[in-house]
Amino acid sequence: MAQGMTEHGDSAASEREEIAARVASFKAMQQKFERERERFFVTTLENARKSQSTRQNTRPVG
């Protein structure tokens, strides 16, 4: 009976380790997505500002 408890304990510990690894992987992926979204936002905003600046500088006078 003690051996069965040990196997169950090992199995539970193994499952906890797998869950912890999956959670860590998920968290890392979410952080990667967040960095990519931030980079995309900054690039898009910079391009919009450059475009607006270019249009203001080439506006006909009069």
N, C-alpha and C. Protein backbone atom coordinates (compact mmCIF):
# COMPACT_ATOMS: atom_id res chain seq x y z
N MET A 1 0.82 -1.20 0.00
CA MET A 1 0.00 0.00 0.00
C MET A 1 0.86 1.26 0.00
N ALA A 2 1.96 1.23 0.71
CA ALA A 2 2.83 2.39 0.74
C ALA A 2 3.41 2.68 -0.64
N GLN A 3 3.67 1.60 -1.39
CA GLN A 3 4.21 1.79 -2.73
C GLN A 3 3.19 2.50 -3.63
N GLY A 4 1.93 2.14 -3.51
CA GLY A 4 0.88 2.79 -4.29
C GLY A 4 0.79 4.27 -3.97
N MET A 5 0.94 4.63 -2.73
CA MET A 5 0.90 6.03 -2.33
C MET A 5 2.09 6.79 -2.92
N THR A 6 3.25 6.13 -2.95
CA THR A 6 4.43 6.77 -3.51
C THR A 6 4.25 7.01 -5.00
N GLU A 7 3.71 6.00 -5.70
CA GLU A 7 3.47 6.16 -7.13
C GLU A 7 2.47 7.28 -7.39
N HIS A 8 1.44 7.35 -6.56
CA HIS A 8 0.44 8.41 -6.71
C HIS A 8 1.08 9.78 -6.44
N GLY A 9 1.91 9.83 -5.41
CA GLY A 9 2.60 11.07 -5.07
C GLY A 9 3.54 11.50 -6.18
N ASP A 10 4.27 10.53 -6.75
CA ASP A 10 5.17 10.83 -7.87
C ASP A 10 4.38 11.33 -9.08
N SER A 11 3.24 10.68 -9.32
CA SER A 11 2.40 11.07 -10.45
C SER A 11 1.87 12.49 -10.25
N ALA A 12 1.41 12.78 -9.04
CA ALA A 12 0.88 14.12 -8.75
C ALA A 12 1.99 15.16 -8.87
N ALA A 13 3.17 14.84 -8.38
CA ALA A 13 4.29 15.77 -8.48
C ALA A 13 4.66 16.00 -9.94
N SER A 14 4.65 14.94 -10.71
CA SER A 14 4.95 15.05 -12.14
C SER A 14 3.92 15.92 -12.85
N GLU A 15 2.65 15.72 -12.51
CA GLU A 15 1.59 16.54 -13.10
C GLU A 15 1.74 18.00 -12.72
N ARG A 16 2.08 18.27 -11.45
CA ARG A 16 2.28 19.65 -11.01
C ARG A 16 3.43 20.29 -11.77
N GLU A 17 4.50 19.53 -11.97
CA GLU A 17 5.65 20.05 -12.72
C GLU A 17 5.25 20.37 -14.16
N GLU A 18 4.47 19.48 -14.77
CA GLU A 18 4.03 19.71 -16.14
C GLU A 18 3.14 20.95 -16.23
N ILE A 19 2.23 21.08 -15.27
CA ILE A 19 1.34 22.25 -15.25
C ILE A 19 2.16 23.52 -15.07
N ALA A 20 3.12 23.49 -14.15
CA ALA A 20 3.97 24.67 -13.92
C ALA A 20 4.74 25.03 -15.18
N ALA A 21 5.23 24.02 -15.90
CA ALA A 21 5.97 24.28 -17.14
C ALA A 21 5.05 24.88 -18.19
N ARG A 22 3.82 24.36 -18.28
CA ARG A 22 2.87 24.89 -19.27
C ARG A 22 2.48 26.33 -18.94
N VAL A 23 2.28 26.61 -17.66
CA VAL A 23 1.93 27.97 -17.23
C VAL A 23 3.08 28.92 -17.55
N ALA A 24 4.30 28.49 -17.27
CA ALA A 24 5.47 29.33 -17.56
C ALA A 24 5.59 29.58 -19.06
N SER A 25 5.35 28.55 -19.86
CA SER A 25 5.41 28.70 -21.31
C SER A 25 4.33 29.66 -21.80
N PHE A 26 3.13 29.52 -21.26
CA PHE A 26 2.02 30.39 -21.65
C PHE A 26 2.34 31.84 -21.28
N LYS A 27 2.87 32.04 -20.08
CA LYS A 27 3.20 33.39 -19.63
C LYS A 27 4.28 34.01 -20.52
N ALA A 28 5.28 33.23 -20.88
CA ALA A 28 6.34 33.73 -21.76
C ALA A 28 5.78 34.11 -23.12
N MET A 29 4.86 33.30 -23.64
CA MET A 29 4.26 33.59 -24.94
C MET A 29 3.43 34.88 -24.86
N GLN A 30 2.68 35.06 -23.79
CA GLN A 30 1.88 36.27 -23.62
C GLN A 30 2.77 37.50 -23.53
N GLN A 31 3.90 37.39 -22.83
CA GLN A 31 4.83 38.51 -22.74
C GLN A 31 5.44 38.83 -24.10
N LYS A 32 5.72 37.79 -24.89
CA LYS A 32 6.24 38.00 -26.25
C LYS A 32 5.20 38.74 -27.09
N PHE A 33 3.94 38.32 -27.01
CA PHE A 33 2.88 38.99 -27.77
C PHE A 33 2.75 40.45 -27.34
N GLU A 34 2.87 40.69 -26.04
CA GLU A 34 2.76 42.06 -25.53
C GLU A 34 3.89 42.93 -26.08
N ARG A 35 5.11 42.39 -26.10
CA ARG A 35 6.25 43.15 -26.66
C ARG A 35 6.03 43.42 -28.14
N GLU A 36 5.52 42.42 -28.87
CA GLU A 36 5.28 42.61 -30.30
C GLU A 36 4.20 43.65 -30.55
N ARG A 37 3.13 43.63 -29.74
CA ARG A 37 2.07 44.64 -29.88
C ARG A 37 2.61 46.03 -29.61
N GLU A 38 3.43 46.16 -28.58
CA GLU A 38 4.02 47.45 -28.23
C GLU A 38 4.91 47.96 -29.37
N ARG A 39 5.73 47.07 -29.91
CA ARG A 39 6.61 47.44 -31.02
C ARG A 39 5.79 47.87 -32.23
N PHE A 40 4.73 47.14 -32.53
CA PHE A 40 3.85 47.48 -33.65
C PHE A 40 3.20 48.84 -33.43
N PHE A 41 2.72 49.08 -32.21
CA PHE A 41 2.09 50.36 -31.88
C PHE A 41 3.06 51.51 -32.07
N VAL A 42 4.26 51.37 -31.54
CA VAL A 42 5.26 52.44 -31.63
C VAL A 42 5.61 52.71 -33.10
N THR A 43 5.82 51.66 -33.87
CA THR A 43 6.15 51.81 -35.29
C THR A 43 5.02 52.48 -36.04
N THR A 44 3.79 52.04 -35.79
CA THR A 44 2.63 52.62 -36.47
C THR A 44 2.47 54.09 -36.12
N LEU A 45 2.63 54.43 -34.86
CA LEU A 45 2.51 55.81 -34.42
C LEU A 45 3.60 56.68 -35.05
N GLU A 46 4.82 56.17 -35.08
CA GLU A 46 5.92 56.92 -35.71
C GLU A 46 5.63 57.16 -37.19
N ASN A 47 5.16 56.14 -37.88
CA ASN A 47 4.84 56.28 -39.31
C ASN A 47 3.71 57.28 -39.53
N ALA A 48 2.71 57.25 -38.67
CA ALA A 48 1.60 58.20 -38.79
C ALA A 48 2.08 59.63 -38.57
N ARG A 49 2.94 59.81 -37.58
CA ARG A 49 3.47 61.15 -37.32
C ARG A 49 4.33 61.65 -38.47
N LYS A 50 5.15 60.76 -39.04
CA LYS A 50 5.98 61.14 -40.19
C LYS A 50 5.10 61.52 -41.37
N SER A 51 4.06 60.74 -41.58
CA SER A 51 3.15 61.00 -42.69
C SER A 51 2.44 62.34 -42.50
N GLN A 52 1.99 62.61 -41.29
CA GLN A 52 1.31 63.86 -40.99
C GLN A 52 2.28 65.03 -41.17
N SER A 53 3.49 64.88 -40.70
CA SER A 53 4.51 65.93 -40.82
C SER A 53 4.82 66.20 -42.29
N THR A 54 4.93 65.16 -43.07
CA THR A 54 5.22 65.31 -44.50
C THR A 54 4.08 66.04 -45.20
N ARG A 55 2.84 65.70 -44.86
CA ARG A 55 1.70 66.37 -45.48
C ARG A 55 1.64 67.84 -45.10
N GLN A 56 1.97 68.17 -43.86
CA GLN A 56 1.94 69.56 -43.42
C GLN A 56 3.02 70.37 -44.12
N ASN A 57 4.16 69.76 -44.36
CA ASN A 57 5.27 70.47 -45.01
C ASN A 57 5.05 70.65 -46.51
N THR A 58 4.21 69.84 -47.12
CA THR A 58 3.99 69.94 -48.57
C THR A 58 2.66 70.57 -48.91
N ARG A 59 1.97 71.10 -47.90
CA ARG A 59 0.67 71.73 -48.13
C ARG A 59 0.86 73.01 -48.95
N PRO A 60 0.06 73.18 -50.01
CA PRO A 60 0.19 74.41 -50.82
C PRO A 60 -0.19 75.64 -50.01
N VAL A 61 0.52 76.71 -50.25
CA VAL A 61 0.27 77.97 -49.56
C VAL A 61 -0.79 78.74 -50.33
N GLY A 62 -1.77 79.30 -49.61
CA GLY A 62 -2.71 80.16 -50.29
C GLY A 62 -4.05 79.69 -50.20
